[in-house]
Amino acid sequence: MTNIVEVKQSPVHGKGVFASRNIAKGELLAKCDMALIHVNENLPEVLATLQFPWIEEYDAICISDVGSFFNHSGTPTAEVDERDFDNLIQTFIAKTDIVKGTEVTIYYNDAFEEFVSK
């Protein structure tokens, strides 16, 4: 895990990602290794809520760093900057300036693809 963000209990839902210092817009938050899950896989809810769209036949789950702990917001403060499909890495950056102690959120509902910056 980076020293920029940390995972703590969230008032939004379960655990969340929080800024451990002030973060500037565009700053790298995390590079996460991903594991592929077939889209037809019937996962338990605790895992299904951690899935990210990946490619047509597969979704992916973050298996390193903080990627699976971001909570959803309609006005997110972070976003997926890059998805490296060959090396199974997803990169998160700050979408806005984020004040130390603030929960860092992403958008991950049905229109997720529209919220990936690249």
PDB file of N, CA and C in Angstrom:
ATOM      1  N   MET A   1       0.841  -1.173   0.000  1.00  0.00           N
ATOM      2  CA  MET A   1       0.000   0.000   0.000  1.00  0.00           C
ATOM      3  C   MET A   1       0.891   1.242   0.000  1.00  0.00           C
ATOM      4  N   THR A   2       0.427   2.264  -0.647  1.00  0.00           N
ATOM      5  CA  THR A   2       1.166   3.522  -0.692  1.00  0.00           C
ATOM      6  C   THR A   2       0.978   4.290   0.604  1.00  0.00           C
ATOM      7  N   ASN A   3       1.775   5.333   0.806  1.00  0.00           N
ATOM      8  CA  ASN A   3       1.590   6.175   1.991  1.00  0.00           C
ATOM      9  C   ASN A   3       0.643   7.337   1.703  1.00  0.00           C
ATOM     10  N   ILE A   4       0.093   7.384   0.505  1.00  0.00           N
ATOM     11  CA  ILE A   4      -0.816   8.457   0.093  1.00  0.00           C
ATOM     12  C   ILE A   4      -2.229   8.205   0.612  1.00  0.00           C
ATOM     13  N   VAL A   5      -2.629   6.937   0.605  1.00  0.00           N
ATOM     14  CA  VAL A   5      -3.967   6.553   1.048  1.00  0.00           C
ATOM     15  C   VAL A   5      -3.866   5.377   2.008  1.00  0.00           C
ATOM     16  N   GLU A   6      -4.938   5.202   2.793  1.00  0.00           N
ATOM     17  CA  GLU A   6      -4.994   4.086   3.726  1.00  0.00           C
ATOM     18  C   GLU A   6      -6.419   3.559   3.804  1.00  0.00           C
ATOM     19  N   VAL A   7      -6.563   2.306   4.176  1.00  0.00           N
ATOM     20  CA  VAL A   7      -7.872   1.675   4.313  1.00  0.00           C
ATOM     21  C   VAL A   7      -8.293   1.763   5.775  1.00  0.00           C
ATOM     22  N   LYS A   8      -9.525   2.285   5.986  1.00  0.00           N
ATOM     23  CA  LYS A   8     -10.082   2.407   7.334  1.00  0.00           C
ATOM     24  C   LYS A   8     -11.586   2.133   7.260  1.00  0.00           C
ATOM     25  N   GLN A   9     -12.204   2.003   8.431  1.00  0.00           N
ATOM     26  CA  GLN A   9     -13.659   1.871   8.485  1.00  0.00           C
ATOM     27  C   GLN A   9     -14.285   3.119   7.871  1.00  0.00           C
ATOM     28  N   SER A  10     -15.345   2.910   7.080  1.00  0.00           N
ATOM     29  CA  SER A  10     -15.980   4.002   6.358  1.00  0.00           C
ATOM     30  C   SER A  10     -17.402   4.252   6.854  1.00  0.00           C
ATOM     31  N   PRO A  11     -17.778   5.513   6.964  1.00  0.00           N
ATOM     32  CA  PRO A  11     -19.175   5.809   7.284  1.00  0.00           C
ATOM     33  C   PRO A  11     -20.093   5.544   6.091  1.00  0.00           C
ATOM     34  N   VAL A  12     -19.518   5.405   4.895  1.00  0.00           N
ATOM     35  CA  VAL A  12     -20.299   5.135   3.687  1.00  0.00           C
ATOM     36  C   VAL A  12     -20.706   3.672   3.641  1.00  0.00           C
ATOM     37  N   HIS A  13     -19.703   2.770   3.778  1.00  0.00           N
ATOM     38  CA  HIS A  13     -19.987   1.336   3.701  1.00  0.00           C
ATOM     39  C   HIS A  13     -18.736   0.548   4.055  1.00  0.00           C
ATOM     40  N   GLY A  14     -18.801  -0.275   5.061  1.00  0.00           N
ATOM     41  CA  GLY A  14     -17.687  -1.163   5.402  1.00  0.00           C
ATOM     42  C   GLY A  14     -16.368  -0.428   5.539  1.00  0.00           C
ATOM     43  N   LYS A  15     -15.394  -0.880   4.755  1.00  0.00           N
ATOM     44  CA  LYS A  15     -14.097  -0.216   4.732  1.00  0.00           C
ATOM     45  C   LYS A  15     -14.030   0.704   3.523  1.00  0.00           C
ATOM     46  N   GLY A  16     -13.173   1.710   3.620  1.00  0.00           N
ATOM     47  CA  GLY A  16     -12.999   2.652   2.520  1.00  0.00           C
ATOM     48  C   GLY A  16     -11.564   3.113   2.437  1.00  0.00           C
ATOM     49  N   VAL A  17     -11.261   3.886   1.420  1.00  0.00           N
ATOM     50  CA  VAL A  17      -9.925   4.424   1.184  1.00  0.00           C
ATOM     51  C   VAL A  17      -9.943   5.893   1.612  1.00  0.00           C
ATOM     52  N   PHE A  18      -8.940   6.289   2.398  1.00  0.00           N
ATOM     53  CA  PHE A  18      -8.871   7.654   2.921  1.00  0.00           C
ATOM     54  C   PHE A  18      -7.513   8.272   2.608  1.00  0.00           C
ATOM     55  N   ALA A  19      -7.530   9.568   2.349  1.00  0.00           N
ATOM     56  CA  ALA A  19      -6.295  10.302   2.075  1.00  0.00           C
ATOM     57  C   ALA A  19      -5.488  10.432   3.364  1.00  0.00           C
ATOM     58  N   SER A  20      -4.246   9.974   3.356  1.00  0.00           N
ATOM     59  CA  SER A  20      -3.391  10.092   4.539  1.00  0.00           C
ATOM     60  C   SER A  20      -2.578  11.384   4.522  1.00  0.00           C
ATOM     61  N   ARG A  21      -2.726  12.150   3.434  1.00  0.00           N
ATOM     62  CA  ARG A  21      -2.146  13.487   3.319  1.00  0.00           C
ATOM     63  C   ARG A  21      -2.940  14.219   2.251  1.00  0.00           C
ATOM     64  N   ASN A  22      -2.729  15.513   2.079  1.00  0.00           N
ATOM     65  CA  ASN A  22      -3.383  16.230   0.991  1.00  0.00           C
ATOM     66  C   ASN A  22      -2.888  15.666  -0.337  1.00  0.00           C
ATOM     67  N   ILE A  23      -3.812  15.489  -1.274  1.00  0.00           N
ATOM     68  CA  ILE A  23      -3.496  14.878  -2.568  1.00  0.00           C
ATOM     69  C   ILE A  23      -3.916  15.838  -3.668  1.00  0.00           C
ATOM     70  N   ALA A  24      -3.039  16.029  -4.646  1.00  0.00           N
ATOM     71  CA  ALA A  24      -3.325  16.917  -5.767  1.00  0.00           C
ATOM     72  C   ALA A  24      -4.044  16.170  -6.883  1.00  0.00           C
ATOM     73  N   LYS A  25      -4.905  16.873  -7.590  1.00  0.00           N
ATOM     74  CA  LYS A  25      -5.597  16.316  -8.756  1.00  0.00           C
ATOM     75  C   LYS A  25      -4.554  15.728  -9.703  1.00  0.00           C
ATOM     76  N   GLY A  26      -4.820  14.515 -10.197  1.00  0.00           N
ATOM     77  CA  GLY A  26      -3.932  13.848 -11.135  1.00  0.00           C
ATOM     78  C   GLY A  26      -2.852  13.000 -10.493  1.00  0.00           C
ATOM     79  N   GLU A  27      -2.738  13.060  -9.175  1.00  0.00           N
ATOM     80  CA  GLU A  27      -1.694  12.301  -8.481  1.00  0.00           C
ATOM     81  C   GLU A  27      -2.036  10.808  -8.450  1.00  0.00           C
ATOM     82  N   LEU A  28      -1.011   9.984  -8.619  1.00  0.00           N
ATOM     83  CA  LEU A  28      -1.171   8.532  -8.575  1.00  0.00           C
ATOM     84  C   LEU A  28      -1.545   8.094  -7.166  1.00  0.00           C
ATOM     85  N   LEU A  29      -2.634   7.338  -7.051  1.00  0.00           N
ATOM     86  CA  LEU A  29      -3.080   6.816  -5.762  1.00  0.00           C
ATOM     87  C   LEU A  29      -2.636   5.375  -5.550  1.00  0.00           C
ATOM     88  N   ALA A  30      -2.777   4.547  -6.596  1.00  0.00           N
ATOM     89  CA  ALA A  30      -2.442   3.134  -6.454  1.00  0.00           C
ATOM     90  C   ALA A  30      -2.347   2.456  -7.812  1.00  0.00           C
ATOM     91  N   LYS A  31      -1.463   1.463  -7.888  1.00  0.00           N
ATOM     92  CA  LYS A  31      -1.391   0.539  -9.031  1.00  0.00           C
ATOM     93  C   LYS A  31      -1.721  -0.826  -8.462  1.00  0.00           C
ATOM     94  N   CYS A  32      -2.787  -1.419  -8.967  1.00  0.00           N
ATOM     95  CA  CYS A  32      -3.293  -2.656  -8.384  1.00  0.00           C
ATOM     96  C   CYS A  32      -3.202  -3.823  -9.349  1.00  0.00           C
ATOM     97  N   ASP A  33      -2.737  -4.957  -8.838  1.00  0.00           N
ATOM     98  CA  ASP A  33      -2.760  -6.193  -9.611  1.00  0.00           C
ATOM     99  C   ASP A  33      -4.198  -6.691  -9.643  1.00  0.00           C
ATOM    100  N   MET A  34      -4.586  -7.247 -10.790  1.00  0.00           N
ATOM    101  CA  MET A  34      -5.957  -7.697 -10.979  1.00  0.00           C
ATOM    102  C   MET A  34      -5.995  -9.200 -11.242  1.00  0.00           C
ATOM    103  N   ALA A  35      -7.075  -9.845 -10.811  1.00  0.00           N
ATOM    104  CA  ALA A  35      -7.335 -11.256 -11.103  1.00  0.00           C
ATOM    105  C   ALA A  35      -8.601 -11.326 -11.942  1.00  0.00           C
ATOM    106  N   LEU A  36      -8.566 -12.107 -13.006  1.00  0.00           N
ATOM    107  CA  LEU A  36      -9.717 -12.221 -13.898  1.00  0.00           C
ATOM    108  C   LEU A  36     -10.753 -13.198 -13.345  1.00  0.00           C
ATOM    109  N   ILE A  37     -12.008 -12.818 -13.525  1.00  0.00           N
ATOM    110  CA  ILE A  37     -13.153 -13.636 -13.114  1.00  0.00           C
ATOM    111  C   ILE A  37     -14.095 -13.706 -14.315  1.00  0.00           C
ATOM    112  N   HIS A  38     -14.455 -14.904 -14.745  1.00  0.00           N
ATOM    113  CA  HIS A  38     -15.359 -15.042 -15.887  1.00  0.00           C
ATOM    114  C   HIS A  38     -16.682 -14.349 -15.583  1.00  0.00           C
ATOM    115  N   VAL A  39     -17.238 -13.648 -16.568  1.00  0.00           N
ATOM    116  CA  VAL A  39     -18.472 -12.883 -16.337  1.00  0.00           C
ATOM    117  C   VAL A  39     -19.648 -13.765 -15.911  1.00  0.00           C
ATOM    118  N   ASN A  40     -19.613 -15.039 -16.233  1.00  0.00           N
ATOM    119  CA  ASN A  40     -20.700 -15.941 -15.845  1.00  0.00           C
ATOM    120  C   ASN A  40     -20.476 -16.587 -14.478  1.00  0.00           C
ATOM    121  N   GLU A  41     -19.346 -16.272 -13.847  1.00  0.00           N
ATOM    122  CA  GLU A  41     -19.049 -16.839 -12.530  1.00  0.00           C
ATOM    123  C   GLU A  41     -20.045 -16.289 -11.510  1.00  0.00           C
ATOM    124  N   ASN A  42     -20.637 -17.179 -10.739  1.00  0.00           N
ATOM    125  CA  ASN A  42     -21.603 -16.781  -9.721  1.00  0.00           C
ATOM    126  C   ASN A  42     -20.860 -16.606  -8.401  1.00  0.00           C
ATOM    127  N   LEU A  43     -20.351 -15.393  -8.165  1.00  0.00           N
ATOM    128  CA  LEU A  43     -19.552 -15.121  -6.978  1.00  0.00           C
ATOM    129  C   LEU A  43     -20.432 -14.799  -5.775  1.00  0.00           C
ATOM    130  N   PRO A  44     -19.933 -15.084  -4.575  1.00  0.00           N
ATOM    131  CA  PRO A  44     -20.649 -14.624  -3.386  1.00  0.00           C
ATOM    132  C   PRO A  44     -20.700 -13.091  -3.403  1.00  0.00           C
ATOM    133  N   GLU A  45     -21.722 -12.512  -2.797  1.00  0.00           N
ATOM    134  CA  GLU A  45     -21.916 -11.064  -2.846  1.00  0.00           C
ATOM    135  C   GLU A  45     -20.690 -10.292  -2.378  1.00  0.00           C
ATOM    136  N   VAL A  46     -20.004 -10.794  -1.358  1.00  0.00           N
ATOM    137  CA  VAL A  46     -18.843 -10.099  -0.820  1.00  0.00           C
ATOM    138  C   VAL A  46     -17.749  -9.925  -1.888  1.00  0.00           C
ATOM    139  N   LEU A  47     -17.649 -10.853  -2.831  1.00  0.00           N
ATOM    140  CA  LEU A  47     -16.683 -10.730  -3.926  1.00  0.00           C
ATOM    141  C   LEU A  47     -17.283 -10.035  -5.140  1.00  0.00           C
ATOM    142  N   ALA A  48     -18.542 -10.289  -5.416  1.00  0.00           N
ATOM    143  CA  ALA A  48     -19.196  -9.701  -6.590  1.00  0.00           C
ATOM    144  C   ALA A  48     -19.193  -8.182  -6.537  1.00  0.00           C
ATOM    145  N   THR A  49     -19.251  -7.627  -5.351  1.00  0.00           N
ATOM    146  CA  THR A  49     -19.260  -6.165  -5.224  1.00  0.00           C
ATOM    147  C   THR A  49     -17.884  -5.557  -5.474  1.00  0.00           C
ATOM    148  N   LEU A  50     -16.863  -6.382  -5.620  1.00  0.00           N
ATOM    149  CA  LEU A  50     -15.498  -5.903  -5.843  1.00  0.00           C
ATOM    150  C   LEU A  50     -15.082  -5.968  -7.305  1.00  0.00           C
ATOM    151  N   GLN A  51     -15.962  -6.439  -8.182  1.00  0.00           N
ATOM    152  CA  GLN A  51     -15.621  -6.626  -9.585  1.00  0.00           C
ATOM    153  C   GLN A  51     -15.553  -5.313 -10.359  1.00  0.00           C
ATOM    154  N   PHE A  52     -14.601  -5.251 -11.283  1.00  0.00           N
ATOM    155  CA  PHE A  52     -14.487  -4.156 -12.239  1.00  0.00           C
ATOM    156  C   PHE A  52     -14.677  -4.740 -13.636  1.00  0.00           C
ATOM    157  N   PRO A  53     -15.368  -4.041 -14.529  1.00  0.00           N
ATOM    158  CA  PRO A  53     -15.427  -4.508 -15.924  1.00  0.00           C
ATOM    159  C   PRO A  53     -14.007  -4.577 -16.472  1.00  0.00           C
ATOM    160  N   TRP A  54     -13.710  -5.585 -17.264  1.00  0.00           N
ATOM    161  CA  TRP A  54     -12.355  -5.720 -17.787  1.00  0.00           C
ATOM    162  C   TRP A  54     -12.382  -5.892 -19.306  1.00  0.00           C
ATOM    163  N   ILE A  55     -12.696  -7.088 -19.754  1.00  0.00           N
ATOM    164  CA  ILE A  55     -12.870  -7.336 -21.185  1.00  0.00           C
ATOM    165  C   ILE A  55     -14.200  -8.054 -21.356  1.00  0.00           C
ATOM    166  N   GLU A  56     -14.606  -8.268 -22.584  1.00  0.00           N
ATOM    167  CA  GLU A  56     -15.948  -8.803 -22.838  1.00  0.00           C
ATOM    168  C   GLU A  56     -16.260 -10.059 -22.026  1.00  0.00           C
ATOM    169  N   GLU A  57     -15.346 -10.988 -21.961  1.00  0.00           N
ATOM    170  CA  GLU A  57     -15.603 -12.269 -21.315  1.00  0.00           C
ATOM    171  C   GLU A  57     -15.232 -12.299 -19.831  1.00  0.00           C
ATOM    172  N   TYR A  58     -14.455 -11.304 -19.373  1.00  0.00           N
ATOM    173  CA  TYR A  58     -13.960 -11.321 -17.998  1.00  0.00           C
ATOM    174  C   TYR A  58     -14.132  -9.979 -17.289  1.00  0.00           C
ATOM    175  N   ASP A  59     -14.464 -10.071 -16.009  1.00  0.00           N
ATOM    176  CA  ASP A  59     -14.356  -8.947 -15.093  1.00  0.00           C
ATOM    177  C   ASP A  59     -13.060  -9.179 -14.332  1.00  0.00           C
ATOM    178  N   ALA A  60     -12.696  -8.231 -13.466  1.00  0.00           N
ATOM    179  CA  ALA A  60     -11.472  -8.380 -12.689  1.00  0.00           C
ATOM    180  C   ALA A  60     -11.696  -7.870 -11.269  1.00  0.00           C
ATOM    181  N   ILE A  61     -10.909  -8.415 -10.356  1.00  0.00           N
ATOM    182  CA  ILE A  61     -10.934  -7.996  -8.954  1.00  0.00           C
ATOM    183  C   ILE A  61      -9.515  -7.579  -8.581  1.00  0.00           C
ATOM    184  N   CYS A  62      -9.402  -6.448  -7.884  1.00  0.00           N
ATOM    185  CA  CYS A  62      -8.090  -6.001  -7.400  1.00  0.00           C
ATOM    186  C   CYS A  62      -7.611  -6.973  -6.323  1.00  0.00           C
ATOM    187  N   ILE A  63      -6.384  -7.458  -6.469  1.00  0.00           N
ATOM    188  CA  ILE A  63      -5.846  -8.384  -5.469  1.00  0.00           C
ATOM    189  C   ILE A  63      -4.657  -7.786  -4.734  1.00  0.00           C
ATOM    190  N   SER A  64      -4.376  -6.520  -4.980  1.00  0.00           N
ATOM    191  CA  SER A  64      -3.285  -5.864  -4.261  1.00  0.00           C
ATOM    192  C   SER A  64      -3.640  -4.416  -3.989  1.00  0.00           C
ATOM    193  N   ASP A  65      -2.987  -3.863  -3.008  1.00  0.00           N
ATOM    194  CA  ASP A  65      -3.130  -2.464  -2.646  1.00  0.00           C
ATOM    195  C   ASP A  65      -4.565  -2.156  -2.235  1.00  0.00           C
ATOM    196  N   VAL A  66      -5.082  -0.985  -2.566  1.00  0.00           N
ATOM    197  CA  VAL A  66      -6.349  -0.504  -2.024  1.00  0.00           C
ATOM    198  C   VAL A  66      -7.522  -0.604  -2.993  1.00  0.00           C
ATOM    199  N   GLY A  67      -7.296  -1.085  -4.196  1.00  0.00           N
ATOM    200  CA  GLY A  67      -8.278  -1.021  -5.271  1.00  0.00           C
ATOM    201  C   GLY A  67      -9.663  -1.545  -4.975  1.00  0.00           C
ATOM    202  N   SER A  68      -9.780  -2.558  -4.153  1.00  0.00           N
ATOM    203  CA  SER A  68     -11.095  -3.128  -3.861  1.00  0.00           C
ATOM    204  C   SER A  68     -11.785  -2.459  -2.682  1.00  0.00           C
ATOM    205  N   PHE A  69     -11.191  -1.417  -2.130  1.00  0.00           N
ATOM    206  CA  PHE A  69     -11.775  -0.755  -0.969  1.00  0.00           C
ATOM    207  C   PHE A  69     -12.358   0.623  -1.269  1.00  0.00           C
ATOM    208  N   PHE A  70     -12.260   1.073  -2.515  1.00  0.00           N
ATOM    209  CA  PHE A  70     -12.870   2.350  -2.867  1.00  0.00           C
ATOM    210  C   PHE A  70     -14.382   2.204  -2.812  1.00  0.00           C
ATOM    211  N   ASN A  71     -15.064   3.121  -2.154  1.00  0.00           N
ATOM    212  CA  ASN A  71     -16.518   3.141  -2.165  1.00  0.00           C
ATOM    213  C   ASN A  71     -17.002   3.985  -3.332  1.00  0.00           C
ATOM    214  N   HIS A  72     -18.261   3.778  -3.695  1.00  0.00           N
ATOM    215  CA  HIS A  72     -18.878   4.464  -4.832  1.00  0.00           C
ATOM    216  C   HIS A  72     -19.377   5.850  -4.432  1.00  0.00           C
ATOM    217  N   SER A  73     -19.290   6.775  -5.391  1.00  0.00           N
ATOM    218  CA  SER A  73     -19.923   8.081  -5.248  1.00  0.00           C
ATOM    219  C   SER A  73     -20.324   8.579  -6.630  1.00  0.00           C
ATOM    220  N   GLY A  74     -21.448   9.268  -6.688  1.00  0.00           N
ATOM    221  CA  GLY A  74     -21.869   9.910  -7.936  1.00  0.00           C
ATOM    222  C   GLY A  74     -20.990  11.106  -8.274  1.00  0.00           C
ATOM    223  N   THR A  75     -20.257  11.592  -7.292  1.00  0.00           N
ATOM    224  CA  THR A  75     -19.281  12.676  -7.500  1.00  0.00           C
ATOM    225  C   THR A  75     -17.932  12.196  -6.957  1.00  0.00           C
ATOM    226  N   PRO A  76     -17.280  11.295  -7.699  1.00  0.00           N
ATOM    227  CA  PRO A  76     -16.056  10.665  -7.206  1.00  0.00           C
ATOM    228  C   PRO A  76     -14.871  11.619  -7.131  1.00  0.00           C
ATOM    229  N   THR A  77     -13.945  11.297  -6.237  1.00  0.00           N
ATOM    230  CA  THR A  77     -12.713  12.082  -6.100  1.00  0.00           C
ATOM    231  C   THR A  77     -11.526  11.377  -6.735  1.00  0.00           C
ATOM    232  N   ALA A  78     -11.727  10.149  -7.202  1.00  0.00           N
ATOM    233  CA  ALA A  78     -10.671   9.380  -7.864  1.00  0.00           C
ATOM    234  C   ALA A  78     -11.269   8.666  -9.064  1.00  0.00           C
ATOM    235  N   GLU A  79     -10.387   8.176  -9.931  1.00  0.00           N
ATOM    236  CA  GLU A  79     -10.844   7.454 -11.115  1.00  0.00           C
ATOM    237  C   GLU A  79      -9.789   6.457 -11.554  1.00  0.00           C
ATOM    238  N   VAL A  80     -10.221   5.509 -12.370  1.00  0.00           N
ATOM    239  CA  VAL A  80      -9.287   4.595 -13.000  1.00  0.00           C
ATOM    240  C   VAL A  80      -8.619   5.367 -14.127  1.00  0.00           C
ATOM    241  N   ASP A  81      -7.311   5.460 -14.061  1.00  0.00           N
ATOM    242  CA  ASP A  81      -6.554   6.199 -15.066  1.00  0.00           C
ATOM    243  C   ASP A  81      -6.149   5.291 -16.224  1.00  0.00           C
ATOM    244  N   GLU A  82      -5.791   4.086 -15.890  1.00  0.00           N
ATOM    245  CA  GLU A  82      -5.287   3.179 -16.925  1.00  0.00           C
ATOM    246  C   GLU A  82      -5.584   1.742 -16.529  1.00  0.00           C
ATOM    247  N   ARG A  83      -5.878   0.941 -17.534  1.00  0.00           N
ATOM    248  CA  ARG A  83      -6.020  -0.506 -17.334  1.00  0.00           C
ATOM    249  C   ARG A  83      -5.054  -1.183 -18.277  1.00  0.00           C
ATOM    250  N   ASP A  84      -4.071  -1.859 -17.732  1.00  0.00           N
ATOM    251  CA  ASP A  84      -3.074  -2.580 -18.515  1.00  0.00           C
ATOM    252  C   ASP A  84      -3.585  -4.009 -18.657  1.00  0.00           C
ATOM    253  N   PHE A  85      -4.192  -4.277 -19.815  1.00  0.00           N
ATOM    254  CA  PHE A  85      -4.835  -5.572 -20.036  1.00  0.00           C
ATOM    255  C   PHE A  85      -3.824  -6.706 -20.158  1.00  0.00           C
ATOM    256  N   ASP A  86      -2.624  -6.426 -20.642  1.00  0.00           N
ATOM    257  CA  ASP A  86      -1.602  -7.468 -20.801  1.00  0.00           C
ATOM    258  C   ASP A  86      -1.018  -7.900 -19.461  1.00  0.00           C
ATOM    259  N   ASN A  87      -0.762  -6.931 -18.581  1.00  0.00           N
ATOM    260  CA  ASN A  87      -0.119  -7.232 -17.301  1.00  0.00           C
ATOM    261  C   ASN A  87      -1.096  -7.267 -16.129  1.00  0.00           C
ATOM    262  N   LEU A  88      -2.379  -7.092 -16.413  1.00  0.00           N
ATOM    263  CA  LEU A  88      -3.436  -7.146 -15.401  1.00  0.00           C
ATOM    264  C   LEU A  88      -3.172  -6.158 -14.253  1.00  0.00           C
ATOM    265  N   ILE A  89      -3.011  -4.890 -14.627  1.00  0.00           N
ATOM    266  CA  ILE A  89      -2.797  -3.832 -13.641  1.00  0.00           C
ATOM    267  C   ILE A  89      -3.786  -2.702 -13.902  1.00  0.00           C
ATOM    268  N   GLN A  90      -4.392  -2.216 -12.837  1.00  0.00           N
ATOM    269  CA  GLN A  90      -5.311  -1.084 -12.927  1.00  0.00           C
ATOM    270  C   GLN A  90      -4.749   0.047 -12.065  1.00  0.00           C
ATOM    271  N   THR A  91      -4.694   1.245 -12.643  1.00  0.00           N
ATOM    272  CA  THR A  91      -4.111   2.400 -11.971  1.00  0.00           C
ATOM    273  C   THR A  91      -5.199   3.404 -11.609  1.00  0.00           C
ATOM    274  N   PHE A  92      -5.157   3.886 -10.376  1.00  0.00           N
ATOM    275  CA  PHE A  92      -6.106   4.877  -9.878  1.00  0.00           C
ATOM    276  C   PHE A  92      -5.380   6.198  -9.657  1.00  0.00           C
ATOM    277  N   ILE A  93      -6.026   7.307 -10.045  1.00  0.00           N
ATOM    278  CA  ILE A  93      -5.481   8.642  -9.809  1.00  0.00           C
ATOM    279  C   ILE A  93      -6.553   9.516  -9.142  1.00  0.00           C
ATOM    280  N   ALA A  94      -6.101  10.629  -8.570  1.00  0.00           N
ATOM    281  CA  ALA A  94      -7.025  11.596  -7.985  1.00  0.00           C
ATOM    282  C   ALA A  94      -7.711  12.372  -9.103  1.00  0.00           C
ATOM    283  N   LYS A  95      -9.018  12.413  -9.082  1.00  0.00           N
ATOM    284  CA  LYS A  95      -9.805  13.152 -10.071  1.00  0.00           C
ATOM    285  C   LYS A  95      -9.932  14.621  -9.659  1.00  0.00           C
ATOM    286  N   THR A  96      -9.782  14.875  -8.372  1.00  0.00           N
ATOM    287  CA  THR A  96      -9.875  16.220  -7.800  1.00  0.00           C
ATOM    288  C   THR A  96      -8.779  16.352  -6.748  1.00  0.00           C
ATOM    289  N   ASP A  97      -8.563  17.548  -6.250  1.00  0.00           N
ATOM    290  CA  ASP A  97      -7.734  17.708  -5.056  1.00  0.00           C
ATOM    291  C   ASP A  97      -8.489  17.046  -3.908  1.00  0.00           C
ATOM    292  N   ILE A  98      -7.747  16.362  -3.033  1.00  0.00           N
ATOM    293  CA  ILE A  98      -8.373  15.642  -1.922  1.00  0.00           C
ATOM    294  C   ILE A  98      -7.682  16.050  -0.624  1.00  0.00           C
ATOM    295  N   VAL A  99      -8.461  16.444   0.346  1.00  0.00           N
ATOM    296  CA  VAL A  99      -7.942  16.898   1.635  1.00  0.00           C
ATOM    297  C   VAL A  99      -7.637  15.688   2.525  1.00  0.00           C
ATOM    298  N   LYS A 100      -6.529  15.771   3.257  1.00  0.00           N
ATOM    299  CA  LYS A 100      -6.129  14.720   4.196  1.00  0.00           C
ATOM    300  C   LYS A 100      -7.311  14.327   5.085  1.00  0.00           C
ATOM    301  N   GLY A 101      -7.515  13.015   5.244  1.00  0.00           N
ATOM    302  CA  GLY A 101      -8.587  12.498   6.092  1.00  0.00           C
ATOM    303  C   GLY A 101      -9.892  12.245   5.369  1.00  0.00           C
ATOM    304  N   THR A 102     -10.020  12.755   4.135  1.00  0.00           N
ATOM    305  CA  THR A 102     -11.243  12.595   3.355  1.00  0.00           C
ATOM    306  C   THR A 102     -11.304  11.193   2.742  1.00  0.00           C
ATOM    307  N   GLU A 103     -12.513  10.627   2.688  1.00  0.00           N
ATOM    308  CA  GLU A 103     -12.661   9.342   1.999  1.00  0.00           C
ATOM    309  C   GLU A 103     -12.544   9.567   0.494  1.00  0.00           C
ATOM    310  N   VAL A 104     -11.750   8.727  -0.140  1.00  0.00           N
ATOM    311  CA  VAL A 104     -11.523   8.785  -1.586  1.00  0.00           C
ATOM    312  C   VAL A 104     -12.503   7.816  -2.242  1.00  0.00           C
ATOM    313  N   THR A 105     -13.295   8.306  -3.191  1.00  0.00           N
ATOM    314  CA  THR A 105     -14.325   7.479  -3.815  1.00  0.00           C
ATOM    315  C   THR A 105     -14.137   7.414  -5.318  1.00  0.00           C
ATOM    316  N   ILE A 106     -14.723   6.383  -5.916  1.00  0.00           N
ATOM    317  CA  ILE A 106     -14.752   6.238  -7.376  1.00  0.00           C
ATOM    318  C   ILE A 106     -16.192   6.006  -7.812  1.00  0.00           C
ATOM    319  N   TYR A 107     -16.421   6.092  -9.109  1.00  0.00           N
ATOM    320  CA  TYR A 107     -17.734   5.787  -9.674  1.00  0.00           C
ATOM    321  C   TYR A 107     -17.667   4.376 -10.230  1.00  0.00           C
ATOM    322  N   TYR A 108     -18.584   3.501  -9.807  1.00  0.00           N
ATOM    323  CA  TYR A 108     -18.531   2.141 -10.357  1.00  0.00           C
ATOM    324  C   TYR A 108     -19.897   1.500 -10.542  1.00  0.00           C
ATOM    325  N   ASN A 109     -20.851   2.246 -11.028  1.00  0.00           N
ATOM    326  CA  ASN A 109     -22.137   1.660 -11.377  1.00  0.00           C
ATOM    327  C   ASN A 109     -22.145   1.216 -12.832  1.00  0.00           C
ATOM    328  N   ASP A 110     -23.316   1.047 -13.418  1.00  0.00           N
ATOM    329  CA  ASP A 110     -23.449   0.479 -14.754  1.00  0.00           C
ATOM    330  C   ASP A 110     -22.652   1.202 -15.835  1.00  0.00           C
ATOM    331  N   ALA A 111     -22.517   2.505 -15.737  1.00  0.00           N
ATOM    332  CA  ALA A 111     -21.815   3.280 -16.764  1.00  0.00           C
ATOM    333  C   ALA A 111     -20.342   3.459 -16.420  1.00  0.00           C
ATOM    334  N   PHE A 112     -19.727   2.496 -15.735  1.00  0.00           N
ATOM    335  CA  PHE A 112     -18.338   2.583 -15.280  1.00  0.00           C
ATOM    336  C   PHE A 112     -17.388   2.989 -16.394  1.00  0.00           C
ATOM    337  N   GLU A 113     -17.557   2.414 -17.575  1.00  0.00           N
ATOM    338  CA  GLU A 113     -16.648   2.687 -18.693  1.00  0.00           C
ATOM    339  C   GLU A 113     -16.547   4.178 -18.993  1.00  0.00           C
ATOM    340  N   GLU A 114     -17.622   4.920 -18.797  1.00  0.00           N
ATOM    341  CA  GLU A 114     -17.607   6.357 -19.062  1.00  0.00           C
ATOM    342  C   GLU A 114     -16.733   7.118 -18.051  1.00  0.00           C
ATOM    343  N   PHE A 115     -16.418   6.494 -16.923  1.00  0.00           N
ATOM    344  CA  PHE A 115     -15.673   7.164 -15.870  1.00  0.00           C
ATOM    345  C   PHE A 115     -14.204   6.740 -15.817  1.00  0.00           C
ATOM    346  N   VAL A 116     -13.771   5.927 -16.765  1.00  0.00           N
ATOM    347  CA  VAL A 116     -12.365   5.583 -16.888  1.00  0.00           C
ATOM    348  C   VAL A 116     -11.727   6.668 -17.732  1.00  0.00           C
ATOM    349  N   SER A 117     -10.673   7.289 -17.222  1.00  0.00           N
ATOM    350  CA  SER A 117     -10.121   8.465 -17.905  1.00  0.00           C
ATOM    351  C   SER A 117      -9.436   8.142 -19.222  1.00  0.00           C
ATOM    352  N   LYS A 118      -8.892   6.959 -19.389  1.00  0.00           N
ATOM    353  CA  LYS A 118      -8.198   6.584 -20.637  1.00  0.00           C
ATOM    354  C   LYS A 118      -8.689   5.246 -21.129  1.00  0.00           C
TER     355      LYS A 118
END
